[in-house]
Amino acid sequence: MANHKLENKIYAIKVLNKEAILKRNEVKHIMAERNVLINNLEHPFLVGLHYSFQSTDKLYFVLDYVNGAEIAHAIGYMHLKNIIYRDLKPENILIDSDGHIKLTDFGLCKEGIQANTTTSPFCGTPEYLAPEILLKKPYTRAIDWWCLGCVIYEMLYGLPPFYSRNTTEMYSNISNEQLRLNPEVFVSDYAKNIMKQLLQKEQFRRLGSSEADFEEIQDHPFFGDIDWRTDCSNCQEKSHLDHLGPSPSFVELLNLGFV
């Protein structure tokens, strides 16, 4: 991220290594990306390119900065209601008509999980399972913060951490291998740090694992530019489904409106 001194506006900067581009024969792809980004500039729901420049060995794209805090806020809200999600992944993150995220598919949620409560069912999506689930240990709501780390990693690197096409190998990687951060992809120090803390294999040392839960996430420097009160001021429970008449606990699940 970078702050434009004259505009006082935050931008995201994508840094590309020229040598790596040439080795992978991706010059045409990069130019196509640049052209598409330029054409996206005026559309409100697409990331646009504002500036591009280069140094001797790198290319720089200055892009719209998109607030990534809403996913964390959504998980924090569910935890406040004593619900763990257990299935955070890109496929379950939707974008509404205002460009805000909404989480969907609450089939794996579990109610009644407070700060010190554990549960043990084996469930979730293979790529995003926390080590404690694979090791069949009782787990806490900290599994959702592991999943957040996986999503951040995938957004930055293109694949989930520890990924393998062989599920058995992937489970072994999740349980035993150290987190690898590709040095050819530019990622801020804050982003690296939050991924390392969220993808901590020991659940009780994981960021967000204490009773403070979401507050630990809020306080991390990765979210330092987020004003949680104003940027998420529209976060509220919705009641438009109350007339359907299911039990209150089910209505809570359906009414989690993360705007």
C-alpha atoms as a PDB file:
ATOM      1  CA  MET A   1       0.000   0.000   0.000  1.00  0.00           C
ATOM      2  CA  ALA A   2       1.042   3.598  -0.538  1.00  0.00           C
ATOM      3  CA  ASN A   3      -0.374   6.964   0.456  1.00  0.00           C
ATOM      4  CA  HIS A   4      -0.575   9.628  -2.274  1.00  0.00           C
ATOM      5  CA  LYS A   5       0.727  12.725  -0.485  1.00  0.00           C
ATOM      6  CA  LEU A   6      -1.172  15.262  -2.597  1.00  0.00           C
ATOM      7  CA  GLU A   7      -4.453  13.348  -2.793  1.00  0.00           C
ATOM      8  CA  ASN A   8      -4.140  11.881   0.729  1.00  0.00           C
ATOM      9  CA  LYS A   9      -5.514   8.658  -0.715  1.00  0.00           C
ATOM     10  CA  ILE A  10      -4.421   5.050  -0.173  1.00  0.00           C
ATOM     11  CA  TYR A  11      -3.468   2.990  -3.237  1.00  0.00           C
ATOM     12  CA  ALA A  12      -2.396  -0.628  -3.645  1.00  0.00           C
ATOM     13  CA  ILE A  13       0.884  -1.147  -5.523  1.00  0.00           C
ATOM     14  CA  LYS A  14       1.466  -4.339  -7.470  1.00  0.00           C
ATOM     15  CA  VAL A  15       5.181  -4.999  -8.002  1.00  0.00           C
ATOM     16  CA  LEU A  16       6.298  -7.346 -10.799  1.00  0.00           C
ATOM     17  CA  ASN A  17       9.799  -8.686 -11.323  1.00  0.00           C
ATOM     18  CA  LYS A  18      10.857  -8.197 -14.959  1.00  0.00           C
ATOM     19  CA  GLU A  19      13.244 -11.147 -14.969  1.00  0.00           C
ATOM     20  CA  ALA A  20      10.541 -13.482 -13.645  1.00  0.00           C
ATOM     21  CA  ILE A  21       8.093 -12.220 -16.297  1.00  0.00           C
ATOM     22  CA  LEU A  22      10.576 -12.955 -19.080  1.00  0.00           C
ATOM     23  CA  LYS A  23      11.449 -16.400 -17.701  1.00  0.00           C
ATOM     24  CA  ARG A  24       7.784 -17.370 -17.627  1.00  0.00           C
ATOM     25  CA  ASN A  25       7.087 -15.820 -21.046  1.00  0.00           C
ATOM     26  CA  GLU A  26       4.309 -13.693 -19.545  1.00  0.00           C
ATOM     27  CA  VAL A  27       4.968 -10.361 -21.276  1.00  0.00           C
ATOM     28  CA  LYS A  28       1.736 -10.574 -23.296  1.00  0.00           C
ATOM     29  CA  HIS A  29      -0.241 -11.474 -20.168  1.00  0.00           C
ATOM     30  CA  ILE A  30       1.149  -8.514 -18.236  1.00  0.00           C
ATOM     31  CA  MET A  31       0.401  -6.091 -21.068  1.00  0.00           C
ATOM     32  CA  ALA A  32      -3.117  -7.503 -21.378  1.00  0.00           C
ATOM     33  CA  GLU A  33      -3.600  -7.061 -17.628  1.00  0.00           C
ATOM     34  CA  ARG A  34      -2.408  -3.459 -17.851  1.00  0.00           C
ATOM     35  CA  ASN A  35      -4.793  -2.660 -20.704  1.00  0.00           C
ATOM     36  CA  VAL A  36      -7.773  -4.259 -18.961  1.00  0.00           C
ATOM     37  CA  LEU A  37      -6.979  -2.449 -15.708  1.00  0.00           C
ATOM     38  CA  ILE A  38      -6.842   0.894 -17.522  1.00  0.00           C
ATOM     39  CA  ASN A  39     -10.247   0.250 -19.082  1.00  0.00           C
ATOM     40  CA  ASN A  40     -11.675  -0.730 -15.680  1.00  0.00           C
ATOM     41  CA  LEU A  41     -10.835   2.599 -14.072  1.00  0.00           C
ATOM     42  CA  GLU A  42     -14.300   4.121 -14.381  1.00  0.00           C
ATOM     43  CA  HIS A  43     -16.321   1.096 -13.288  1.00  0.00           C
ATOM     44  CA  PRO A  44     -17.195   1.120  -9.560  1.00  0.00           C
ATOM     45  CA  PHE A  45     -17.040  -2.655  -9.023  1.00  0.00           C
ATOM     46  CA  LEU A  46     -13.749  -3.359 -10.819  1.00  0.00           C
ATOM     47  CA  VAL A  47     -10.248  -2.559  -9.625  1.00  0.00           C
ATOM     48  CA  GLY A  48      -8.728   0.114 -11.854  1.00  0.00           C
ATOM     49  CA  LEU A  49      -5.155   1.106 -12.736  1.00  0.00           C
ATOM     50  CA  HIS A  50      -4.273   4.719 -11.904  1.00  0.00           C
ATOM     51  CA  TYR A  51      -0.552   4.798 -12.686  1.00  0.00           C
ATOM     52  CA  SER A  52       2.127   2.466 -14.031  1.00  0.00           C
ATOM     53  CA  PHE A  53       5.876   2.965 -14.003  1.00  0.00           C
ATOM     54  CA  GLN A  54       9.085   0.940 -13.951  1.00  0.00           C
ATOM     55  CA  SER A  55      12.554   0.724 -12.486  1.00  0.00           C
ATOM     56  CA  THR A  56      15.532  -1.176 -13.886  1.00  0.00           C
ATOM     57  CA  ASP A  57      14.243  -4.549 -12.711  1.00  0.00           C
ATOM     58  CA  LYS A  58      10.598  -4.068 -11.709  1.00  0.00           C
ATOM     59  CA  LEU A  59       7.219  -2.940 -13.018  1.00  0.00           C
ATOM     60  CA  TYR A  60       4.777  -1.097 -10.766  1.00  0.00           C
ATOM     61  CA  PHE A  61       0.990  -0.906 -11.094  1.00  0.00           C
ATOM     62  CA  VAL A  62      -0.778   1.598  -8.825  1.00  0.00           C
ATOM     63  CA  LEU A  63      -4.273   0.224  -8.250  1.00  0.00           C
ATOM     64  CA  ASP A  64      -7.432   0.968  -6.321  1.00  0.00           C
ATOM     65  CA  TYR A  65      -7.055  -0.070  -2.695  1.00  0.00           C
ATOM     66  CA  VAL A  66      -9.936  -2.338  -1.677  1.00  0.00           C
ATOM     67  CA  ASN A  67     -10.818  -2.532   2.004  1.00  0.00           C
ATOM     68  CA  GLY A  68     -10.240  -6.158   3.013  1.00  0.00           C
ATOM     69  CA  ALA A  69     -11.451  -5.767   6.576  1.00  0.00           C
ATOM     70  CA  GLU A  70     -15.051  -6.790   5.971  1.00  0.00           C
ATOM     71  CA  ILE A  71     -14.325 -10.532   5.956  1.00  0.00           C
ATOM     72  CA  ALA A  72     -12.627 -10.267   9.349  1.00  0.00           C
ATOM     73  CA  HIS A  73     -15.485  -8.128  10.648  1.00  0.00           C
ATOM     74  CA  ALA A  74     -18.014 -10.726   9.485  1.00  0.00           C
ATOM     75  CA  ILE A  75     -16.195 -13.530  11.310  1.00  0.00           C
ATOM     76  CA  GLY A  76     -15.857 -11.370  14.413  1.00  0.00           C
ATOM     77  CA  TYR A  77     -19.591 -10.707  14.365  1.00  0.00           C
ATOM     78  CA  MET A  78     -20.388 -14.409  14.185  1.00  0.00           C
ATOM     79  CA  HIS A  79     -18.056 -15.102  17.102  1.00  0.00           C
ATOM     80  CA  LEU A  80     -19.810 -12.371  19.066  1.00  0.00           C
ATOM     81  CA  LYS A  81     -22.994 -14.393  18.557  1.00  0.00           C
ATOM     82  CA  ASN A  82     -21.155 -17.542  19.747  1.00  0.00           C
ATOM     83  CA  ILE A  83     -21.154 -19.062  16.256  1.00  0.00           C
ATOM     84  CA  ILE A  84     -18.153 -20.525  14.467  1.00  0.00           C
ATOM     85  CA  TYR A  85     -18.293 -20.515  10.678  1.00  0.00           C
ATOM     86  CA  ARG A  86     -15.909 -23.386   9.807  1.00  0.00           C
ATOM     87  CA  ASP A  87     -16.138 -22.889   6.038  1.00  0.00           C
ATOM     88  CA  LEU A  88     -14.512 -19.582   5.140  1.00  0.00           C
ATOM     89  CA  LYS A  89     -13.203 -19.823   1.564  1.00  0.00           C
ATOM     90  CA  PRO A  90     -13.347 -17.649  -1.567  1.00  0.00           C
ATOM     91  CA  GLU A  91     -16.401 -19.517  -2.923  1.00  0.00           C
ATOM     92  CA  ASN A  92     -18.414 -18.408   0.118  1.00  0.00           C
ATOM     93  CA  ILE A  93     -17.519 -14.727  -0.175  1.00  0.00           C
ATOM     94  CA  LEU A  94     -20.036 -12.786  -2.259  1.00  0.00           C
ATOM     95  CA  ILE A  95     -20.055  -9.152  -3.349  1.00  0.00           C
ATOM     96  CA  ASP A  96     -23.293  -7.179  -2.980  1.00  0.00           C
ATOM     97  CA  SER A  97     -24.605  -4.411  -5.239  1.00  0.00           C
ATOM     98  CA  ASP A  98     -22.759  -1.776  -3.186  1.00  0.00           C
ATOM     99  CA  GLY A  99     -19.427  -3.567  -3.522  1.00  0.00           C
ATOM    100  CA  HIS A 100     -19.410  -4.893   0.051  1.00  0.00           C
ATOM    101  CA  ILE A 101     -18.816  -8.524   0.948  1.00  0.00           C
ATOM    102  CA  LYS A 102     -21.354 -10.981   2.276  1.00  0.00           C
ATOM    103  CA  LEU A 103     -20.598 -14.434   3.596  1.00  0.00           C
ATOM    104  CA  THR A 104     -22.860 -17.249   2.453  1.00  0.00           C
ATOM    105  CA  ASP A 105     -23.425 -20.974   3.087  1.00  0.00           C
ATOM    106  CA  PHE A 106     -23.848 -21.449   6.815  1.00  0.00           C
ATOM    107  CA  GLY A 107     -24.307 -25.218   6.635  1.00  0.00           C
ATOM    108  CA  LEU A 108     -21.179 -25.969   8.672  1.00  0.00           C
ATOM    109  CA  CYS A 109     -21.776 -23.334  11.344  1.00  0.00           C
ATOM    110  CA  LYS A 110     -21.964 -24.402  14.968  1.00  0.00           C
ATOM    111  CA  GLU A 111     -23.741 -22.428  17.679  1.00  0.00           C
ATOM    112  CA  GLY A 112     -22.906 -22.112  21.341  1.00  0.00           C
ATOM    113  CA  ILE A 113     -19.136 -21.792  20.883  1.00  0.00           C
ATOM    114  CA  GLN A 114     -17.853 -19.215  23.348  1.00  0.00           C
ATOM    115  CA  ALA A 115     -14.290 -18.090  24.057  1.00  0.00           C
ATOM    116  CA  ASN A 116     -13.275 -21.200  26.003  1.00  0.00           C
ATOM    117  CA  THR A 117     -15.628 -23.699  24.357  1.00  0.00           C
ATOM    118  CA  THR A 118     -14.302 -26.496  22.159  1.00  0.00           C
ATOM    119  CA  THR A 119     -15.898 -28.850  19.661  1.00  0.00           C
ATOM    120  CA  SER A 120     -14.525 -31.763  17.651  1.00  0.00           C
ATOM    121  CA  PRO A 121     -16.459 -32.746  14.461  1.00  0.00           C
ATOM    122  CA  PHE A 122     -14.268 -33.220  11.383  1.00  0.00           C
ATOM    123  CA  CYS A 123     -15.682 -30.796   8.817  1.00  0.00           C
ATOM    124  CA  GLY A 124     -14.654 -28.073   6.398  1.00  0.00           C
ATOM    125  CA  THR A 125     -13.085 -27.761   2.956  1.00  0.00           C
ATOM    126  CA  PRO A 126      -9.782 -29.693   2.575  1.00  0.00           C
ATOM    127  CA  GLU A 127      -7.616 -26.765   1.451  1.00  0.00           C
ATOM    128  CA  TYR A 128      -8.676 -24.635   4.428  1.00  0.00           C
ATOM    129  CA  LEU A 129      -8.735 -27.161   7.277  1.00  0.00           C
ATOM    130  CA  ALA A 130      -6.798 -26.152  10.376  1.00  0.00           C
ATOM    131  CA  PRO A 131      -4.152 -28.553  11.757  1.00  0.00           C
ATOM    132  CA  GLU A 132      -6.132 -29.225  14.932  1.00  0.00           C
ATOM    133  CA  ILE A 133      -9.031 -30.581  12.866  1.00  0.00           C
ATOM    134  CA  LEU A 134      -6.739 -32.878  10.872  1.00  0.00           C
ATOM    135  CA  LEU A 135      -5.142 -34.092  14.110  1.00  0.00           C
ATOM    136  CA  LYS A 136      -8.628 -34.756  15.525  1.00  0.00           C
ATOM    137  CA  LYS A 137      -8.055 -32.472  18.494  1.00  0.00           C
ATOM    138  CA  PRO A 138     -10.825 -30.459  20.184  1.00  0.00           C
ATOM    139  CA  TYR A 139     -10.801 -27.061  18.509  1.00  0.00           C
ATOM    140  CA  THR A 140     -11.959 -23.535  19.270  1.00  0.00           C
ATOM    141  CA  ARG A 141     -13.290 -20.628  17.234  1.00  0.00           C
ATOM    142  CA  ALA A 142      -9.644 -19.944  16.304  1.00  0.00           C
ATOM    143  CA  ILE A 143     -10.157 -22.274  13.322  1.00  0.00           C
ATOM    144  CA  ASP A 144     -11.976 -19.397  11.604  1.00  0.00           C
ATOM    145  CA  TRP A 145      -8.895 -17.200  11.930  1.00  0.00           C
ATOM    146  CA  TRP A 146      -6.807 -19.978  10.368  1.00  0.00           C
ATOM    147  CA  CYS A 147      -9.231 -19.910   7.434  1.00  0.00           C
ATOM    148  CA  LEU A 148      -8.884 -16.124   7.207  1.00  0.00           C
ATOM    149  CA  GLY A 149      -5.131 -16.606   6.923  1.00  0.00           C
ATOM    150  CA  CYS A 150      -5.703 -19.115   4.122  1.00  0.00           C
ATOM    151  CA  VAL A 151      -7.954 -16.685   2.243  1.00  0.00           C
ATOM    152  CA  ILE A 152      -5.482 -13.797   2.580  1.00  0.00           C
ATOM    153  CA  TYR A 153      -2.686 -16.096   1.391  1.00  0.00           C
ATOM    154  CA  GLU A 154      -4.695 -17.278  -1.607  1.00  0.00           C
ATOM    155  CA  MET A 155      -5.628 -13.725  -2.581  1.00  0.00           C
ATOM    156  CA  LEU A 156      -1.966 -12.725  -2.547  1.00  0.00           C
ATOM    157  CA  TYR A 157      -0.332 -15.851  -4.004  1.00  0.00           C
ATOM    158  CA  GLY A 158      -3.057 -17.459  -6.121  1.00  0.00           C
ATOM    159  CA  LEU A 159      -3.302 -20.807  -4.290  1.00  0.00           C
ATOM    160  CA  PRO A 160      -4.103 -21.810  -0.699  1.00  0.00           C
ATOM    161  CA  PRO A 161      -1.098 -22.356   1.585  1.00  0.00           C
ATOM    162  CA  PHE A 162       0.183 -25.949   1.772  1.00  0.00           C
ATOM    163  CA  TYR A 163      -1.792 -26.798  -1.399  1.00  0.00           C
ATOM    164  CA  SER A 164      -1.277 -30.076  -3.251  1.00  0.00           C
ATOM    165  CA  ARG A 165      -3.449 -31.930  -5.742  1.00  0.00           C
ATOM    166  CA  ASN A 166      -2.853 -34.989  -3.589  1.00  0.00           C
ATOM    167  CA  THR A 167      -5.143 -34.578  -0.577  1.00  0.00           C
ATOM    168  CA  THR A 168      -3.067 -36.848   1.659  1.00  0.00           C
ATOM    169  CA  GLU A 169       0.061 -34.860   0.860  1.00  0.00           C
ATOM    170  CA  MET A 170      -1.790 -31.589   1.438  1.00  0.00           C
ATOM    171  CA  TYR A 171      -3.015 -32.749   4.857  1.00  0.00           C
ATOM    172  CA  SER A 172       0.568 -33.665   5.734  1.00  0.00           C
ATOM    173  CA  ASN A 173       1.744 -30.232   4.585  1.00  0.00           C
ATOM    174  CA  ILE A 174      -0.880 -28.480   6.716  1.00  0.00           C
ATOM    175  CA  SER A 175       0.070 -30.494   9.788  1.00  0.00           C
ATOM    176  CA  ASN A 176       3.848 -30.544   9.422  1.00  0.00           C
ATOM    177  CA  GLU A 177       5.318 -28.150   6.856  1.00  0.00           C
ATOM    178  CA  GLN A 178       6.405 -24.589   7.529  1.00  0.00           C
ATOM    179  CA  LEU A 179       4.558 -21.756   5.807  1.00  0.00           C
ATOM    180  CA  ARG A 180       6.319 -20.734   2.595  1.00  0.00           C
ATOM    181  CA  LEU A 181       6.080 -17.198   1.231  1.00  0.00           C
ATOM    182  CA  ASN A 182       7.108 -16.875  -2.417  1.00  0.00           C
ATOM    183  CA  PRO A 183       9.916 -14.259  -2.535  1.00  0.00           C
ATOM    184  CA  GLU A 184       9.140 -13.509  -6.201  1.00  0.00           C
ATOM    185  CA  VAL A 185       5.751 -12.058  -5.226  1.00  0.00           C
ATOM    186  CA  PHE A 186       5.916  -8.672  -3.527  1.00  0.00           C
ATOM    187  CA  VAL A 187       3.919  -8.748  -0.294  1.00  0.00           C
ATOM    188  CA  SER A 188       4.113  -6.125   2.437  1.00  0.00           C
ATOM    189  CA  ASP A 189       5.788  -6.975   5.739  1.00  0.00           C
ATOM    190  CA  TYR A 190       2.471  -6.458   7.529  1.00  0.00           C
ATOM    191  CA  ALA A 191       0.753  -8.922   5.190  1.00  0.00           C
ATOM    192  CA  LYS A 192       3.503 -11.495   5.740  1.00  0.00           C
ATOM    193  CA  ASN A 193       3.256 -11.030   9.490  1.00  0.00           C
ATOM    194  CA  ILE A 194      -0.504 -11.426   9.723  1.00  0.00           C
ATOM    195  CA  MET A 195      -0.399 -14.553   7.545  1.00  0.00           C
ATOM    196  CA  LYS A 196       2.275 -16.064   9.790  1.00  0.00           C
ATOM    197  CA  GLN A 197       0.239 -15.258  12.897  1.00  0.00           C
ATOM    198  CA  LEU A 198      -3.069 -16.499  11.481  1.00  0.00           C
ATOM    199  CA  LEU A 199      -1.481 -19.641  10.024  1.00  0.00           C
ATOM    200  CA  GLN A 200       0.088 -20.582  13.348  1.00  0.00           C
ATOM    201  CA  LYS A 201      -0.272 -24.358  13.686  1.00  0.00           C
ATOM    202  CA  GLU A 202      -0.627 -24.203  17.479  1.00  0.00           C
ATOM    203  CA  GLN A 203      -4.203 -22.968  17.852  1.00  0.00           C
ATOM    204  CA  PHE A 204      -3.682 -21.338  21.259  1.00  0.00           C
ATOM    205  CA  ARG A 205      -0.817 -19.219  19.885  1.00  0.00           C
ATOM    206  CA  ARG A 206      -2.771 -18.143  16.807  1.00  0.00           C
ATOM    207  CA  LEU A 207      -3.749 -14.513  16.324  1.00  0.00           C
ATOM    208  CA  GLY A 208      -7.346 -14.177  17.521  1.00  0.00           C
ATOM    209  CA  SER A 209      -7.207 -17.237  19.772  1.00  0.00           C
ATOM    210  CA  SER A 210      -7.503 -15.325  23.055  1.00  0.00           C
ATOM    211  CA  GLU A 211     -10.729 -14.109  24.634  1.00  0.00           C
ATOM    212  CA  ALA A 212     -10.140 -10.812  22.815  1.00  0.00           C
ATOM    213  CA  ASP A 213     -10.802 -12.701  19.548  1.00  0.00           C
ATOM    214  CA  PHE A 214     -11.603 -10.188  16.778  1.00  0.00           C
ATOM    215  CA  GLU A 215     -10.021  -7.306  18.718  1.00  0.00           C
ATOM    216  CA  GLU A 216      -6.619  -8.943  18.187  1.00  0.00           C
ATOM    217  CA  ILE A 217      -7.278  -8.945  14.441  1.00  0.00           C
ATOM    218  CA  GLN A 218      -8.394  -5.306  14.504  1.00  0.00           C
ATOM    219  CA  ASP A 219      -5.227  -4.231  16.284  1.00  0.00           C
ATOM    220  CA  HIS A 220      -2.834  -5.831  13.790  1.00  0.00           C
ATOM    221  CA  PRO A 221      -0.892  -3.271  11.682  1.00  0.00           C
ATOM    222  CA  PHE A 222      -2.140  -4.975   8.485  1.00  0.00           C
ATOM    223  CA  PHE A 223      -5.469  -3.263   9.208  1.00  0.00           C
ATOM    224  CA  GLY A 224      -3.828  -0.061  10.441  1.00  0.00           C
ATOM    225  CA  ASP A 225      -5.518   2.126   7.819  1.00  0.00           C
ATOM    226  CA  ILE A 226      -8.989   0.801   8.620  1.00  0.00           C
ATOM    227  CA  ASP A 227     -11.325   2.975  10.656  1.00  0.00           C
ATOM    228  CA  TRP A 228     -13.504   0.163  11.964  1.00  0.00           C
ATOM    229  CA  ARG A 229     -16.264   2.454  13.183  1.00  0.00           C
ATOM    230  CA  THR A 230     -16.754   4.296   9.903  1.00  0.00           C
ATOM    231  CA  ASP A 231     -15.633   1.707   7.333  1.00  0.00           C
ATOM    232  CA  CYS A 232     -17.984  -0.882   8.828  1.00  0.00           C
ATOM    233  CA  SER A 233     -20.646   1.536  10.066  1.00  0.00           C
ATOM    234  CA  ASN A 234     -23.340  -0.239   8.035  1.00  0.00           C
ATOM    235  CA  CYS A 235     -22.739  -3.596   9.737  1.00  0.00           C
ATOM    236  CA  GLN A 236     -25.985  -4.535  11.413  1.00  0.00           C
ATOM    237  CA  GLU A 237     -28.332  -7.421  11.930  1.00  0.00           C
ATOM    238  CA  LYS A 238     -31.159  -7.578   9.420  1.00  0.00           C
ATOM    239  CA  SER A 239     -34.645  -8.651  10.379  1.00  0.00           C
ATOM    240  CA  HIS A 240     -36.377  -8.948   7.004  1.00  0.00           C
ATOM    241  CA  LEU A 241     -36.531 -12.757   7.337  1.00  0.00           C
ATOM    242  CA  ASP A 242     -38.191 -12.750  10.765  1.00  0.00           C
ATOM    243  CA  HIS A 243     -41.619 -13.360   9.249  1.00  0.00           C
ATOM    244  CA  LEU A 244     -40.518 -16.790   8.005  1.00  0.00           C
ATOM    245  CA  GLY A 245     -40.931 -18.136  11.517  1.00  0.00           C
ATOM    246  CA  PRO A 246     -38.083 -20.624  12.099  1.00  0.00           C
ATOM    247  CA  SER A 247     -36.425 -20.890  15.498  1.00  0.00           C
ATOM    248  CA  PRO A 248     -34.487 -17.789  16.652  1.00  0.00           C
ATOM    249  CA  SER A 249     -31.157 -19.573  16.378  1.00  0.00           C
ATOM    250  CA  PHE A 250     -31.772 -20.377  12.718  1.00  0.00           C
ATOM    251  CA  VAL A 251     -32.954 -16.829  12.027  1.00  0.00           C
ATOM    252  CA  GLU A 252     -29.683 -15.570  13.483  1.00  0.00           C
ATOM    253  CA  LEU A 253     -27.783 -17.633  10.933  1.00  0.00           C
ATOM    254  CA  LEU A 254     -29.897 -16.418   8.038  1.00  0.00           C
ATOM    255  CA  ASN A 255     -29.826 -12.797   9.126  1.00  0.00           C
ATOM    256  CA  LEU A 256     -26.065 -12.304   9.325  1.00  0.00           C
ATOM    257  CA  GLY A 257     -25.921  -9.246   7.073  1.00  0.00           C
ATOM    258  CA  PHE A 258     -22.332  -8.137   6.539  1.00  0.00           C
ATOM    259  CA  VAL A 259     -22.627  -4.922   4.556  1.00  0.00           C
END
